[in-house]
Amino acid sequence: MLDEALENLKESIKENQAVVIRDALPTAEVDGPQIRQLFQNLIGNAVKFHGEARPEVRVSAEREGVAWRFSVKDNGIGIEEKYASRIFEIFQRLHGRTEYPGTGIGLSICRRIVERHGGRIWVESEPGTGSTFYFTVPAEREDGNE
């Protein structure tokens, strides 16, 4: 799913001279098109909301108990802590459309996808330094198999 998301974003990545680094990722029992959309939204935002430096994005995952915790880390403009939960609400934008185009629904879609998979999504960020978006999905199916 990550490969497909990157393919869909290849023009934006090229246009912005972004670098996307991917660590080894696990295989998980997920809805493929939804997870592709999740990666596409998170990486697309990381490329779009960059500062003066060339956008750099790292995608990784690690086992956290009964779930996989994925992270999408960037070196972008960052988000003030007081807005960290608001950004997952539909139509909540932190910037004007002339500054950064978009509809304000991308992260709310991400939240919905993660919640449908029984996980959670959150962001840790520092303005001017970048953001790391985390999300979890179960590591095992309900029948107990990975």
C-alpha atoms as a PDB file:
ATOM      1  CA  MET A   1       0.000   0.000   0.000  1.00  0.00           C
ATOM      2  CA  LEU A   2       2.881   2.356   0.705  1.00  0.00           C
ATOM      3  CA  ASP A   3       4.298   1.735  -2.778  1.00  0.00           C
ATOM      4  CA  GLU A   4       0.948   2.618  -4.350  1.00  0.00           C
ATOM      5  CA  ALA A   5       0.637   5.759  -2.238  1.00  0.00           C
ATOM      6  CA  LEU A   6       4.135   6.863  -3.278  1.00  0.00           C
ATOM      7  CA  GLU A   7       3.313   6.176  -6.920  1.00  0.00           C
ATOM      8  CA  ASN A   8       0.207   8.376  -6.616  1.00  0.00           C
ATOM      9  CA  LEU A   9       2.328  11.127  -5.049  1.00  0.00           C
ATOM     10  CA  LYS A  10       5.315  10.861  -7.412  1.00  0.00           C
ATOM     11  CA  GLU A  11       4.625  14.176  -9.196  1.00  0.00           C
ATOM     12  CA  SER A  12       4.312  16.119  -5.938  1.00  0.00           C
ATOM     13  CA  ILE A  13       7.403  14.390  -4.532  1.00  0.00           C
ATOM     14  CA  LYS A  14       9.378  15.224  -7.669  1.00  0.00           C
ATOM     15  CA  GLU A  15       8.064  18.810  -7.867  1.00  0.00           C
ATOM     16  CA  ASN A  16       9.086  19.491  -4.265  1.00  0.00           C
ATOM     17  CA  GLN A  17      12.355  17.510  -4.536  1.00  0.00           C
ATOM     18  CA  ALA A  18      11.201  15.537  -1.511  1.00  0.00           C
ATOM     19  CA  VAL A  19      13.060  12.567  -0.120  1.00  0.00           C
ATOM     20  CA  VAL A  20      10.968   9.704   1.262  1.00  0.00           C
ATOM     21  CA  ILE A  21      12.803   7.108   3.338  1.00  0.00           C
ATOM     22  CA  ARG A  22      11.037   3.901   4.194  1.00  0.00           C
ATOM     23  CA  ASP A  23      12.132   1.514   6.847  1.00  0.00           C
ATOM     24  CA  ALA A  24      11.123  -2.138   6.715  1.00  0.00           C
ATOM     25  CA  LEU A  25       7.371  -2.314   7.264  1.00  0.00           C
ATOM     26  CA  PRO A  26       5.319  -5.243   8.530  1.00  0.00           C
ATOM     27  CA  THR A  27       2.510  -7.015   6.763  1.00  0.00           C
ATOM     28  CA  ALA A  28      -0.788  -6.403   8.511  1.00  0.00           C
ATOM     29  CA  GLU A  29      -4.359  -7.552   7.926  1.00  0.00           C
ATOM     30  CA  VAL A  30      -5.878  -4.233   6.823  1.00  0.00           C
ATOM     31  CA  ASP A  31      -8.177  -2.751   4.213  1.00  0.00           C
ATOM     32  CA  GLY A  32      -5.608  -2.063   1.483  1.00  0.00           C
ATOM     33  CA  PRO A  33      -7.260   0.885  -0.301  1.00  0.00           C
ATOM     34  CA  GLN A  34      -7.958   2.628   3.000  1.00  0.00           C
ATOM     35  CA  ILE A  35      -4.387   2.221   4.262  1.00  0.00           C
ATOM     36  CA  ARG A  36      -3.079   3.428   0.888  1.00  0.00           C
ATOM     37  CA  GLN A  37      -5.256   6.545   1.319  1.00  0.00           C
ATOM     38  CA  LEU A  38      -3.949   6.970   4.876  1.00  0.00           C
ATOM     39  CA  PHE A  39      -0.308   6.871   3.754  1.00  0.00           C
ATOM     40  CA  GLN A  40      -1.083   9.104   0.781  1.00  0.00           C
ATOM     41  CA  ASN A  41      -2.722  11.759   2.981  1.00  0.00           C
ATOM     42  CA  LEU A  42       0.027  11.738   5.618  1.00  0.00           C
ATOM     43  CA  ILE A  43       2.942  11.748   3.165  1.00  0.00           C
ATOM     44  CA  GLY A  44       1.186  14.242   0.883  1.00  0.00           C
ATOM     45  CA  ASN A  45       0.788  16.626   3.823  1.00  0.00           C
ATOM     46  CA  ALA A  46       4.416  16.123   4.828  1.00  0.00           C
ATOM     47  CA  VAL A  47       5.509  17.129   1.323  1.00  0.00           C
ATOM     48  CA  LYS A  48       3.048  20.042   1.089  1.00  0.00           C
ATOM     49  CA  PHE A  49       3.669  21.612   4.510  1.00  0.00           C
ATOM     50  CA  HIS A  50       7.419  22.043   4.224  1.00  0.00           C
ATOM     51  CA  GLY A  51       9.521  25.019   5.152  1.00  0.00           C
ATOM     52  CA  GLU A  52      12.608  26.301   3.365  1.00  0.00           C
ATOM     53  CA  ALA A  53      14.435  22.974   3.582  1.00  0.00           C
ATOM     54  CA  ARG A  54      13.870  20.181   1.095  1.00  0.00           C
ATOM     55  CA  PRO A  55      11.043  17.960   2.414  1.00  0.00           C
ATOM     56  CA  GLU A  56      12.258  14.778   4.074  1.00  0.00           C
ATOM     57  CA  VAL A  57       9.815  12.105   5.177  1.00  0.00           C
ATOM     58  CA  ARG A  58      10.532   8.841   6.989  1.00  0.00           C
ATOM     59  CA  VAL A  59       7.980   6.038   7.244  1.00  0.00           C
ATOM     60  CA  SER A  60       8.597   3.348   9.836  1.00  0.00           C
ATOM     61  CA  ALA A  61       6.823   0.906  12.140  1.00  0.00           C
ATOM     62  CA  GLU A  62       7.445  -1.028  15.299  1.00  0.00           C
ATOM     63  CA  ARG A  63       5.557  -3.592  17.302  1.00  0.00           C
ATOM     64  CA  GLU A  64       3.782  -2.155  20.333  1.00  0.00           C
ATOM     65  CA  GLY A  65       2.074  -4.943  22.267  1.00  0.00           C
ATOM     66  CA  VAL A  66      -0.827  -6.267  20.190  1.00  0.00           C
ATOM     67  CA  ALA A  67      -0.520  -3.514  17.567  1.00  0.00           C
ATOM     68  CA  TRP A  68       1.839  -2.097  14.990  1.00  0.00           C
ATOM     69  CA  ARG A  69       2.674   1.555  15.559  1.00  0.00           C
ATOM     70  CA  PHE A  70       3.462   3.292  12.286  1.00  0.00           C
ATOM     71  CA  SER A  71       5.076   6.704  12.066  1.00  0.00           C
ATOM     72  CA  VAL A  72       5.345   9.274   9.311  1.00  0.00           C
ATOM     73  CA  LYS A  73       7.973  11.817  10.329  1.00  0.00           C
ATOM     74  CA  ASP A  74       8.783  15.017   8.444  1.00  0.00           C
ATOM     75  CA  ASN A  75      11.002  18.080   8.701  1.00  0.00           C
ATOM     76  CA  GLY A  76       8.184  20.474   7.808  1.00  0.00           C
ATOM     77  CA  ILE A  77       6.663  23.553   9.375  1.00  0.00           C
ATOM     78  CA  GLY A  78       5.268  21.713  12.400  1.00  0.00           C
ATOM     79  CA  ILE A  79       2.085  22.219  14.380  1.00  0.00           C
ATOM     80  CA  GLU A  80       1.558  24.037  17.639  1.00  0.00           C
ATOM     81  CA  GLU A  81       0.532  21.677  20.434  1.00  0.00           C
ATOM     82  CA  LYS A  82      -2.751  23.510  21.023  1.00  0.00           C
ATOM     83  CA  TYR A  83      -3.885  22.473  17.519  1.00  0.00           C
ATOM     84  CA  ALA A  84      -2.765  18.822  17.745  1.00  0.00           C
ATOM     85  CA  SER A  85      -6.262  17.371  18.218  1.00  0.00           C
ATOM     86  CA  ARG A  86      -8.139  19.983  16.168  1.00  0.00           C
ATOM     87  CA  ILE A  87      -6.363  19.036  12.949  1.00  0.00           C
ATOM     88  CA  PHE A  88      -8.174  15.657  12.908  1.00  0.00           C
ATOM     89  CA  GLU A  89     -11.598  17.360  12.794  1.00  0.00           C
ATOM     90  CA  ILE A  90     -13.290  17.747   9.418  1.00  0.00           C
ATOM     91  CA  PHE A  91     -12.754  21.091   7.645  1.00  0.00           C
ATOM     92  CA  GLN A  92     -10.335  22.322  10.306  1.00  0.00           C
ATOM     93  CA  ARG A  93      -7.506  24.147   8.605  1.00  0.00           C
ATOM     94  CA  LEU A  94      -4.596  25.915  10.266  1.00  0.00           C
ATOM     95  CA  HIS A  95      -3.595  27.866   7.157  1.00  0.00           C
ATOM     96  CA  GLY A  96      -5.446  29.831   4.490  1.00  0.00           C
ATOM     97  CA  ARG A  97      -6.152  28.242   1.114  1.00  0.00           C
ATOM     98  CA  THR A  98      -3.840  30.710  -0.627  1.00  0.00           C
ATOM     99  CA  GLU A  99      -0.950  29.718   1.631  1.00  0.00           C
ATOM    100  CA  TYR A 100      -1.520  25.936   1.424  1.00  0.00           C
ATOM    101  CA  PRO A 101      -4.286  24.595  -0.828  1.00  0.00           C
ATOM    102  CA  GLY A 102      -6.570  21.810   0.347  1.00  0.00           C
ATOM    103  CA  THR A 103     -10.014  20.958   1.636  1.00  0.00           C
ATOM    104  CA  GLY A 104      -9.337  20.376   5.325  1.00  0.00           C
ATOM    105  CA  ILE A 105     -10.658  16.811   5.240  1.00  0.00           C
ATOM    106  CA  GLY A 106      -7.464  14.752   4.745  1.00  0.00           C
ATOM    107  CA  LEU A 107      -6.578  14.217   8.394  1.00  0.00           C
ATOM    108  CA  SER A 108     -10.191  13.606   9.395  1.00  0.00           C
ATOM    109  CA  ILE A 109     -10.244  10.836   6.773  1.00  0.00           C
ATOM    110  CA  CYS A 110      -7.030   9.465   8.291  1.00  0.00           C
ATOM    111  CA  ARG A 111      -8.618   9.416  11.733  1.00  0.00           C
ATOM    112  CA  ARG A 112     -11.693   7.627  10.433  1.00  0.00           C
ATOM    113  CA  ILE A 113      -9.601   4.991   8.608  1.00  0.00           C
ATOM    114  CA  VAL A 114      -7.481   4.286  11.687  1.00  0.00           C
ATOM    115  CA  GLU A 115     -10.525   4.093  13.950  1.00  0.00           C
ATOM    116  CA  ARG A 116     -12.220   1.650  11.539  1.00  0.00           C
ATOM    117  CA  HIS A 117      -9.155  -0.552  11.947  1.00  0.00           C
ATOM    118  CA  GLY A 118      -9.422  -0.420  15.749  1.00  0.00           C
ATOM    119  CA  GLY A 119      -6.401   1.854  16.158  1.00  0.00           C
ATOM    120  CA  ARG A 120      -5.658   5.432  17.098  1.00  0.00           C
ATOM    121  CA  ILE A 121      -3.854   8.331  15.449  1.00  0.00           C
ATOM    122  CA  TRP A 122      -1.999  11.278  16.960  1.00  0.00           C
ATOM    123  CA  VAL A 123       0.714  13.795  16.196  1.00  0.00           C
ATOM    124  CA  GLU A 124       3.804  14.996  18.027  1.00  0.00           C
ATOM    125  CA  SER A 125       5.222  18.177  16.630  1.00  0.00           C
ATOM    126  CA  GLU A 126       7.388  21.195  17.163  1.00  0.00           C
ATOM    127  CA  PRO A 127       6.742  24.327  15.088  1.00  0.00           C
ATOM    128  CA  GLY A 128       9.605  24.995  12.712  1.00  0.00           C
ATOM    129  CA  THR A 129      11.110  21.528  13.232  1.00  0.00           C
ATOM    130  CA  GLY A 130       8.561  19.076  11.878  1.00  0.00           C
ATOM    131  CA  SER A 131       5.894  16.589  12.845  1.00  0.00           C
ATOM    132  CA  THR A 132       5.568  12.891  13.443  1.00  0.00           C
ATOM    133  CA  PHE A 133       2.173  11.356  12.832  1.00  0.00           C
ATOM    134  CA  TYR A 134       1.644   8.031  14.564  1.00  0.00           C
ATOM    135  CA  PHE A 135      -1.103   5.497  14.008  1.00  0.00           C
ATOM    136  CA  THR A 136      -1.728   1.999  15.242  1.00  0.00           C
ATOM    137  CA  VAL A 137      -3.396  -1.022  13.690  1.00  0.00           C
ATOM    138  CA  PRO A 138      -3.853  -4.449  15.278  1.00  0.00           C
ATOM    139  CA  ALA A 139      -0.925  -6.781  14.639  1.00  0.00           C
ATOM    140  CA  GLU A 140      -3.164  -9.839  14.676  1.00  0.00           C
ATOM    141  CA  ARG A 141      -6.498 -10.667  13.147  1.00  0.00           C
ATOM    142  CA  GLU A 142      -9.394 -11.461  15.437  1.00  0.00           C
ATOM    143  CA  ASP A 143      -8.792 -15.185  14.889  1.00  0.00           C
ATOM    144  CA  GLY A 144      -5.383 -14.778  16.556  1.00  0.00           C
ATOM    145  CA  ASN A 145      -3.217 -15.173  13.445  1.00  0.00           C
ATOM    146  CA  GLU A 146      -0.729 -12.558  12.303  1.00  0.00           C
END
